[in-house]
Protein backbone atom coordinates (compact mmCIF):
# COMPACT_ATOMS: atom_id res chain seq x y z
CA MET A 1 -12.53 -48.54 -73.79
CA SER A 2 -16.21 -48.40 -74.52
CA LEU A 3 -18.31 -45.29 -74.22
CA SER A 4 -20.22 -46.69 -71.23
CA HIS A 5 -16.97 -47.28 -69.29
CA ARG A 6 -15.87 -43.74 -69.99
CA LEU A 7 -19.16 -42.35 -68.71
CA VAL A 8 -18.84 -44.38 -65.51
CA ILE A 9 -15.32 -43.01 -64.87
CA LEU A 10 -16.48 -39.45 -65.59
CA VAL A 11 -19.41 -39.81 -63.20
CA ARG A 12 -17.09 -41.14 -60.48
CA ILE A 13 -14.67 -38.20 -60.94
CA VAL A 14 -17.47 -35.63 -60.79
CA THR A 15 -19.00 -37.34 -57.75
CA GLY A 16 -15.63 -37.43 -55.98
CA GLY A 17 -14.99 -33.77 -56.77
CA LEU A 18 -18.36 -32.74 -55.42
CA ALA A 19 -17.76 -34.77 -52.25
CA LEU A 20 -14.32 -33.14 -51.78
CA ALA A 21 -15.81 -29.68 -52.33
CA PHE A 22 -18.50 -30.39 -49.74
CA VAL A 23 -15.89 -31.48 -47.17
CA ILE A 24 -13.76 -28.39 -47.82
CA LEU A 25 -16.78 -26.11 -47.60
CA LEU A 26 -17.79 -27.72 -44.30
CA PHE A 27 -14.42 -27.76 -42.50
CA GLN A 28 -12.26 -25.17 -44.32
CA PRO A 29 -14.62 -22.63 -45.86
CA GLN A 30 -11.88 -19.97 -45.99
CA LEU A 31 -10.19 -21.93 -48.80
CA ILE A 32 -13.19 -21.33 -51.06
CA ALA A 33 -14.55 -18.00 -49.77
CA HIS A 34 -13.76 -14.90 -51.75
CA GLY A 35 -12.13 -11.77 -50.26
CA PRO A 36 -8.93 -11.11 -48.27
CA THR A 37 -7.61 -13.62 -45.74
CA VAL A 38 -7.69 -12.27 -42.14
CA VAL A 39 -5.30 -13.83 -39.63
CA VAL A 40 -6.42 -13.88 -36.00
CA ARG A 41 -4.87 -15.38 -32.86
CA GLU A 42 -6.94 -18.14 -31.36
CA ALA A 43 -6.51 -19.87 -28.03
CA PRO A 44 -5.61 -23.55 -28.10
CA PRO A 45 -8.36 -26.02 -27.19
CA ALA A 46 -9.06 -26.15 -23.46
CA LYS A 47 -7.21 -28.90 -21.63
CA SER A 48 -8.88 -31.30 -19.26
CA SER A 49 -7.06 -29.77 -16.27
CA SER A 50 -6.68 -26.04 -15.55
CA PRO A 51 -3.10 -24.74 -15.15
CA GLY A 52 -4.14 -22.59 -12.17
CA PRO A 53 -4.85 -23.79 -8.64
CA VAL A 54 -8.33 -25.02 -7.85
CA SER A 55 -7.82 -24.24 -4.16
CA TYR A 56 -5.75 -21.87 -2.04
CA VAL A 57 -5.74 -24.10 1.02
CA TYR A 58 -1.96 -24.50 0.91
CA ALA A 59 -1.32 -20.75 0.82
CA VAL A 60 -3.72 -20.12 3.69
CA LYS A 61 -2.21 -22.91 5.83
CA GLN A 62 1.24 -21.46 5.25
CA ALA A 63 0.28 -17.97 6.38
CA ALA A 64 -2.81 -18.06 8.60
CA ARG A 65 -1.04 -19.24 11.77
CA ALA A 66 1.16 -16.14 11.64
CA VAL A 67 -1.76 -13.69 11.45
CA VAL A 68 -2.98 -12.46 14.84
CA ASN A 69 -5.82 -10.42 16.28
CA ILE A 70 -4.79 -7.29 18.20
CA ASN A 71 -7.03 -5.91 20.93
CA THR A 72 -6.10 -2.51 22.37
CA ALA A 73 -7.44 -0.64 25.36
CA LYS A 74 -7.14 3.07 26.11
CA VAL A 75 -8.21 4.83 29.31
CA VAL A 76 -10.01 8.09 28.55
CA VAL A 77 -10.53 10.63 31.34
CA THR A 78 -13.40 13.10 31.01
CA HIS A 79 -13.57 16.31 33.07
CA PRO A 80 -17.14 17.65 33.45
CA GLN A 81 -17.35 21.42 33.52
CA THR A 82 -18.24 23.21 36.75
CA ALA A 83 -21.66 24.82 36.65
CA PRO A 84 -21.22 28.63 36.53
CA GLU A 85 -23.95 29.23 39.14
CA LEU A 86 -21.88 27.48 41.86
CA PRO A 87 -19.50 30.14 43.24
CA PHE A 88 -18.15 27.94 46.05
CA TYR A 89 -18.59 24.51 47.58
CA GLU A 90 -20.22 23.83 50.93
CA PRO A 91 -18.24 21.55 53.29
CA PHE A 92 -21.38 19.64 54.35
CA GLY A 93 -24.39 18.73 52.30
CA GLY A 94 -23.91 21.47 49.72
CA PRO A 95 -23.05 21.23 46.05
CA ARG A 96 -19.97 19.15 45.22
CA PRO A 97 -17.53 19.66 42.39
CA PRO A 98 -18.20 17.40 39.43
CA GLU A 99 -15.95 14.34 39.44
CA SER A 100 -13.70 13.23 36.64
CA ARG A 101 -14.75 10.02 35.03
CA LYS A 102 -12.72 7.30 33.39
CA ARG A 103 -13.82 5.01 30.62
CA VAL A 104 -11.98 2.40 28.59
CA GLU A 105 -12.05 2.55 24.82
CA THR A 106 -11.20 -0.65 22.97
CA SER A 107 -10.41 -1.28 19.34
CA LEU A 108 -9.55 -4.23 17.16
CA GLY A 109 -6.95 -4.81 14.48
CA SER A 110 -4.69 -7.44 13.02
CA GLY A 111 -0.97 -8.15 12.90
CA VAL A 112 1.56 -10.53 11.35
CA ILE A 113 4.22 -12.54 13.19
CA ILE A 114 7.43 -11.76 11.31
CA SER A 115 9.84 -13.72 13.52
CA LYS A 116 9.54 -16.78 15.76
CA ALA A 117 11.21 -14.63 18.40
CA GLY A 118 7.82 -12.94 18.84
CA TYR A 119 8.09 -9.83 16.66
CA ILE A 120 4.81 -8.69 15.14
CA LEU A 121 4.29 -6.13 12.39
CA THR A 122 1.09 -4.09 12.34
CA ASN A 123 -0.19 -0.62 11.50
CA TYR A 124 0.73 2.33 13.69
CA HIS A 125 -2.87 3.51 13.72
CA VAL A 126 -3.97 0.15 15.19
CA ILE A 127 -1.98 0.65 18.41
CA HIS A 128 -1.65 4.46 18.53
CA GLY A 129 -2.45 5.80 22.01
CA ALA A 130 -3.12 2.35 23.49
CA ASP A 131 -2.49 1.81 27.21
CA ALA A 132 -2.68 -1.98 26.88
CA ILE A 133 -2.26 -4.32 23.93
CA ARG A 134 -3.35 -7.95 23.89
CA VAL A 135 -2.51 -10.31 21.02
CA PHE A 136 -4.67 -13.35 20.24
CA LEU A 137 -3.24 -16.20 18.15
CA LYS A 138 -5.13 -18.50 15.80
CA ASP A 139 -4.40 -21.48 18.08
CA GLY A 140 -6.29 -19.84 20.96
CA ARG A 141 -3.34 -18.55 22.95
CA SER A 142 -2.94 -14.89 23.89
CA ALA A 143 -0.29 -12.63 25.39
CA ASN A 144 0.31 -9.02 26.32
CA ALA A 145 2.44 -7.14 23.81
CA ARG A 146 4.92 -4.32 24.21
CA VAL A 147 5.69 -1.73 21.58
CA VAL A 148 9.22 -2.08 20.19
CA GLY A 149 8.95 0.98 17.97
CA VAL A 150 6.69 2.86 15.59
CA ASP A 151 7.03 4.76 12.33
CA PRO A 152 4.11 7.17 11.79
CA ALA A 153 5.51 8.19 8.39
CA THR A 154 4.76 4.75 6.96
CA ASP A 155 1.96 3.84 9.41
CA LEU A 156 3.86 0.81 10.69
CA ALA A 157 4.62 -0.47 14.18
CA VAL A 158 6.50 -3.43 15.65
CA LEU A 159 5.25 -5.32 18.73
CA LYS A 160 6.87 -8.08 20.79
CA ILE A 161 5.24 -11.00 22.60
CA HIS A 162 6.74 -13.86 24.61
CA LEU A 163 5.25 -17.23 23.72
CA PRO A 164 6.86 -20.52 22.66
CA ARG A 165 6.32 -22.33 19.36
CA LEU A 166 5.31 -19.33 17.28
CA SER A 167 4.73 -19.59 13.51
CA ALA A 168 6.31 -16.84 11.43
CA ILE A 169 5.21 -15.85 7.94
CA THR A 170 7.53 -16.05 4.92
CA LEU A 171 8.34 -12.67 3.34
CA GLY A 172 7.90 -12.35 -0.40
CA HIS A 173 9.54 -9.90 -2.80
CA ALA A 174 8.14 -6.66 -4.14
CA SER A 175 9.70 -7.34 -7.54
CA ASP A 176 7.36 -10.32 -7.93
CA ILE A 177 4.18 -8.24 -7.46
CA ALA A 178 2.35 -7.52 -10.71
CA VAL A 179 -1.06 -6.19 -11.64
CA GLY A 180 -3.38 -9.15 -12.15
CA ASP A 181 -1.73 -11.41 -9.56
CA VAL A 182 -4.16 -13.32 -7.35
CA VAL A 183 -3.83 -12.27 -3.69
CA LEU A 184 -5.45 -13.22 -0.40
CA ALA A 185 -6.15 -10.91 2.55
CA ILE A 186 -6.08 -12.47 6.03
CA GLY A 187 -7.24 -10.57 9.10
CA ASP A 188 -9.96 -10.18 11.72
CA PRO A 189 -12.64 -7.89 10.22
CA PHE A 190 -15.20 -6.54 12.69
CA GLY A 191 -13.77 -8.85 15.37
CA ILE A 192 -15.73 -11.86 14.06
CA GLY A 193 -12.64 -14.08 13.80
CA GLN A 194 -9.91 -14.75 11.29
CA THR A 195 -11.21 -14.35 7.74
CA VAL A 196 -9.66 -14.93 4.31
CA THR A 197 -10.75 -13.00 1.21
CA MET A 198 -9.48 -13.22 -2.36
CA GLY A 199 -8.88 -10.73 -5.14
CA ILE A 200 -6.18 -9.52 -7.48
CA VAL A 201 -3.55 -6.80 -7.46
CA SER A 202 -5.41 -3.88 -9.05
CA ALA A 203 -2.46 -1.45 -9.15
CA THR A 204 0.95 -0.82 -7.62
CA GLY A 205 2.76 2.32 -6.53
CA ARG A 206 -0.38 4.16 -5.42
CA ASP A 207 0.58 7.41 -3.68
CA GLU A 208 -0.71 10.88 -2.82
CA LEU A 209 -3.76 9.35 -1.14
CA GLY A 210 -3.29 11.36 2.07
CA LEU A 211 -3.11 8.23 4.22
CA SER A 212 0.46 8.69 5.49
CA PRO A 213 3.48 10.91 4.76
CA ILE A 214 5.27 8.10 2.86
CA GLU A 215 3.01 6.18 0.47
CA ASN A 216 3.71 3.44 -2.05
CA PHE A 217 0.64 1.22 -1.77
CA ILE A 218 -0.48 -1.97 -3.43
CA GLN A 219 -4.12 -1.60 -4.50
CA THR A 220 -6.29 -4.71 -4.36
CA ASP A 221 -9.93 -5.70 -4.66
CA ALA A 222 -9.56 -8.42 -2.02
CA ALA A 223 -12.17 -7.52 0.61
CA ILE A 224 -10.60 -5.47 3.42
CA ASN A 225 -12.85 -4.20 6.21
CA PRO A 226 -12.42 -2.49 9.60
CA GLY A 227 -10.34 -4.83 11.76
CA ASN A 228 -8.24 -6.02 8.79
CA SER A 229 -5.73 -3.20 9.36
CA GLY A 230 -2.30 -4.68 10.06
CA GLY A 231 -3.25 -8.05 8.56
CA ALA A 232 -1.50 -9.97 5.80
CA LEU A 233 -1.81 -9.68 2.05
CA ILE A 234 -0.29 -12.88 0.64
CA ASN A 235 0.33 -14.45 -2.75
CA THR A 236 -0.79 -17.90 -3.81
CA ASN A 237 2.36 -19.42 -2.29
CA GLY A 238 1.45 -18.07 1.15
CA ASP A 239 4.24 -15.46 1.12
CA LEU A 240 3.63 -12.01 2.62
CA ILE A 241 3.55 -9.30 -0.04
CA GLY A 242 1.87 -6.50 1.93
CA ILE A 243 0.38 -5.23 5.19
CA ASP A 244 -3.31 -4.38 4.79
CA SER A 245 -3.75 -0.75 5.81
CA ALA A 246 -6.76 1.11 4.46
CA ILE A 247 -9.84 1.04 2.28
CA TYR A 248 -11.50 3.55 0.00
CA THR A 249 -15.11 3.81 1.10
CA HIS A 250 -18.13 6.08 1.33
CA SER A 251 -20.09 3.76 3.59
CA GLY A 252 -17.36 2.64 6.01
CA GLY A 253 -17.33 -0.87 4.53
CA TYR A 254 -15.73 -2.69 1.65
CA GLN A 255 -16.22 -1.15 -1.80
CA GLY A 256 -13.64 -2.99 -3.85
CA ILE A 257 -10.62 -0.75 -3.28
CA GLY A 258 -8.13 -1.57 -0.55
CA PHE A 259 -4.53 -0.59 0.05
CA ALA A 260 -1.58 -2.49 1.48
CA ILE A 261 1.97 -1.42 2.35
CA PRO A 262 4.33 -3.42 0.10
CA VAL A 263 6.57 -6.00 1.72
CA ASN A 264 9.84 -4.30 0.74
CA LEU A 265 8.90 -1.12 2.64
CA ALA A 266 7.54 -3.14 5.57
CA ARG A 267 10.73 -5.23 5.71
CA HIS A 268 12.91 -2.11 5.75
CA VAL A 269 10.91 -0.45 8.55
CA PHE A 270 10.83 -3.68 10.58
CA ARG A 271 14.61 -4.14 10.43
CA GLN A 272 15.27 -0.51 11.33
CA ILE A 273 12.92 -0.57 14.33
CA VAL A 274 14.29 -3.87 15.66
CA LYS A 275 17.87 -2.63 15.30
CA TYR A 276 17.56 1.00 16.39
CA GLY A 277 14.12 1.33 17.99
CA HIS A 278 13.09 3.75 15.25
CA VAL A 279 13.56 4.28 11.53
CA ILE A 280 16.71 5.99 10.27
CA GLU A 281 15.99 7.56 6.89
CA GLY A 282 17.25 10.37 4.74
CA TRP A 283 15.70 13.83 5.10
CA ILE A 284 16.32 17.27 3.59
CA GLY A 285 13.55 19.23 5.32
CA VAL A 286 11.07 20.22 2.65
CA ALA A 287 7.33 19.81 2.33
CA GLY A 288 5.82 20.06 -1.11
CA GLN A 289 3.21 19.04 -3.60
CA THR A 290 3.37 17.51 -7.05
CA LEU A 291 3.65 20.09 -9.81
CA THR A 292 0.50 19.64 -11.87
CA PRO A 293 -0.03 21.16 -15.33
CA ALA A 294 -2.43 23.67 -13.72
CA LEU A 295 0.22 24.74 -11.19
CA ALA A 296 2.85 24.90 -13.92
CA ARG A 297 0.58 27.19 -15.95
CA THR A 298 0.11 29.44 -12.91
CA LEU A 299 3.87 29.60 -12.39
CA LYS A 300 4.37 30.35 -16.11
CA LEU A 301 6.39 27.18 -16.52
CA PRO A 302 6.14 24.66 -19.37
CA LYS A 303 3.05 22.53 -18.71
CA SER A 304 5.11 19.44 -19.59
CA LEU A 305 7.47 20.11 -16.65
CA ARG A 306 7.25 17.60 -13.81
CA GLY A 307 8.57 18.10 -10.31
CA VAL A 308 7.74 19.18 -6.78
CA LEU A 309 6.55 22.63 -5.74
CA VAL A 310 8.15 23.46 -2.37
CA ALA A 311 5.36 24.57 -0.04
CA ALA A 312 7.37 24.81 3.19
CA ILE A 313 10.94 24.58 4.47
CA TYR A 314 12.07 23.26 7.84
CA ASN A 315 14.25 26.07 9.20
CA ASP A 316 17.00 23.81 10.52
CA GLY A 317 16.96 21.32 7.64
CA PRO A 318 19.61 20.74 4.94
CA ALA A 319 17.46 22.34 2.22
CA ALA A 320 17.06 25.59 4.17
CA LYS A 321 20.79 25.74 4.89
CA ALA A 322 21.54 25.16 1.21
CA GLY A 323 19.29 28.04 0.15
CA VAL A 324 16.15 26.29 -1.08
CA ARG A 325 13.10 28.52 -0.65
CA ALA A 326 9.36 28.02 -0.44
CA GLY A 327 7.97 28.47 -3.94
CA ASP A 328 10.94 26.78 -5.64
CA VAL A 329 10.30 23.86 -7.96
CA LEU A 330 12.48 20.77 -7.53
CA TYR A 331 12.74 18.97 -10.85
CA ALA A 332 15.66 16.55 -10.34
CA ILE A 333 17.72 14.72 -7.72
CA ASN A 334 21.25 13.80 -8.81
CA GLY A 335 20.17 14.36 -12.39
CA GLN A 336 17.19 11.99 -12.13
CA PRO A 337 13.87 13.69 -12.95
CA LEU A 338 11.18 13.91 -10.28
CA ARG A 339 7.61 12.95 -11.12
CA SER A 340 5.75 13.47 -7.86
CA ALA A 341 6.20 14.72 -4.30
CA ASN A 342 5.78 11.23 -2.87
CA ARG A 343 8.37 9.72 -5.22
CA ALA A 344 10.80 12.44 -4.23
CA LEU A 345 10.15 11.72 -0.55
CA LEU A 346 10.74 8.00 -1.09
CA LYS A 347 13.94 8.65 -3.02
CA ILE A 348 15.33 10.89 -0.29
CA ALA A 349 14.19 8.52 2.47
CA ASP A 350 16.12 5.70 0.78
CA THR A 351 19.28 7.82 0.73
CA LYS A 352 21.71 7.12 3.57
CA PRO A 353 22.11 10.08 5.95
CA GLY A 354 25.43 11.84 5.35
CA THR A 355 25.25 11.34 1.56
CA PRO A 356 25.78 14.47 -0.57
CA ILE A 357 23.13 15.08 -3.23
CA THR A 358 22.42 17.64 -5.93
CA LEU A 359 18.99 19.18 -6.49
CA GLY A 360 17.81 20.70 -9.74
CA VAL A 361 15.80 23.81 -8.78
CA ILE A 362 13.71 26.26 -10.81
CA ARG A 363 13.30 29.70 -9.23
CA ASN A 364 11.65 32.62 -11.03
CA GLY A 365 11.98 30.74 -14.30
CA GLN A 366 15.74 30.13 -13.87
CA ARG A 367 17.37 26.73 -13.36
CA LEU A 368 19.71 26.42 -10.39
CA THR A 369 21.85 23.62 -8.97
CA VAL A 370 21.83 23.23 -5.19
CA HIS A 371 24.20 20.97 -3.24
CA MET A 372 23.46 19.60 0.23
CA VAL A 373 24.08 16.65 2.54
CA VAL A 374 21.15 14.40 3.47
CA ALA A 375 20.38 14.40 7.20
CA THR A 376 18.57 11.89 9.41
CA ARG A 377 14.83 12.34 9.42
CA PRO A 378 13.75 13.60 12.86
CA PRO A 379 10.62 12.30 14.60
CA LEU A 380 7.53 13.79 13.00
CA LYS A 381 6.57 15.66 16.17
CA ALA A 382 10.05 17.16 16.52
CA ALA A 383 10.22 18.63 13.04
CA THR A 384 7.75 21.46 13.50
CA SER A 385 9.80 24.60 12.79
CA LEU A 386 8.51 25.54 9.35
CA THR A 387 8.84 28.46 7.01
CA GLN A 388 5.82 28.35 4.74
CA GLY A 389 5.54 30.04 1.41
CA PRO A 390 2.43 31.09 -0.48
CA PRO A 391 2.27 28.40 -3.17
CA PRO A 392 0.09 29.54 -6.05
CA THR A 393 -3.14 27.70 -6.67
CA PRO A 394 -4.89 27.48 -10.00
């Protein structure tokens, strides 16, 4: 092979190598770059079609017909005071006693048809004190409603209407609710007509908000406004996952934080009211507050201890009969640790009346075991005989 041929081959090899190096540098620079190799997780290339829904029309169609507007009316009687300078009343032409006056107060809310038989679930505060209740359906029909039963402890109530061809909502499952799920709120805010808003589940298990004695709320940023109370919180399948109940607000309007009663609690209350006319739940007769680290420090207890500080005892309740006292700390039920007063209340409420339980109690720094039998929770107004203790405050 001549020298010229060898030079041609060498030039071709060098040219090819330079071309290969340029391609590598352009598309795979990490193969040439110096320094350690860092592995990162990268998302796959975007597909032409999104895996999520582009519309929630199906979910709304499934649920909206079962969401109703509730209009309540209450007659309020006012009694003007008698003027002190009128010692008596003349029979003719003289001063007359001031007359009582009546006025009608109205309010608006929402509700959800749970059964085609005409049962509607709503908030207790929507219908509390009402003398008349009128339900308006999405299809334009309306009917008077009667109250089947109420449960102030969970802020729920069941109504009944008599109309044919009713659409009932499908109940979802609390176990399927997760933070980040897309949800839709359907109700009648401000009485302007049925409205749908969208958001996500912001949190679950919210309690100790002071909204009702038993709390286990779903928190959402779906817009909820006055008039939405009692309406439906649904998932993207159109299934009911909560009853819209309250908002956190400084202005009286929507500020991105709303609360709904989860469907499992609503289902339980609904079934109890339909069957018995009221809710039958476990009760031991204590009122307390969550033991915070500050309270634990005041009580000279380990700041890591969690439980419930007993603030008051119902005199005729199981706890009083078993020897529990105001100022005690409840730290366990049947060996299971307690984390908050509301969780303890929920655990006891879920216990069937007549069931024996064991409480872990701390009194004056000593651990005690107290045995009792769970009773039936009395109506809130009936359980008023309290022995209150002086719980320490930090």
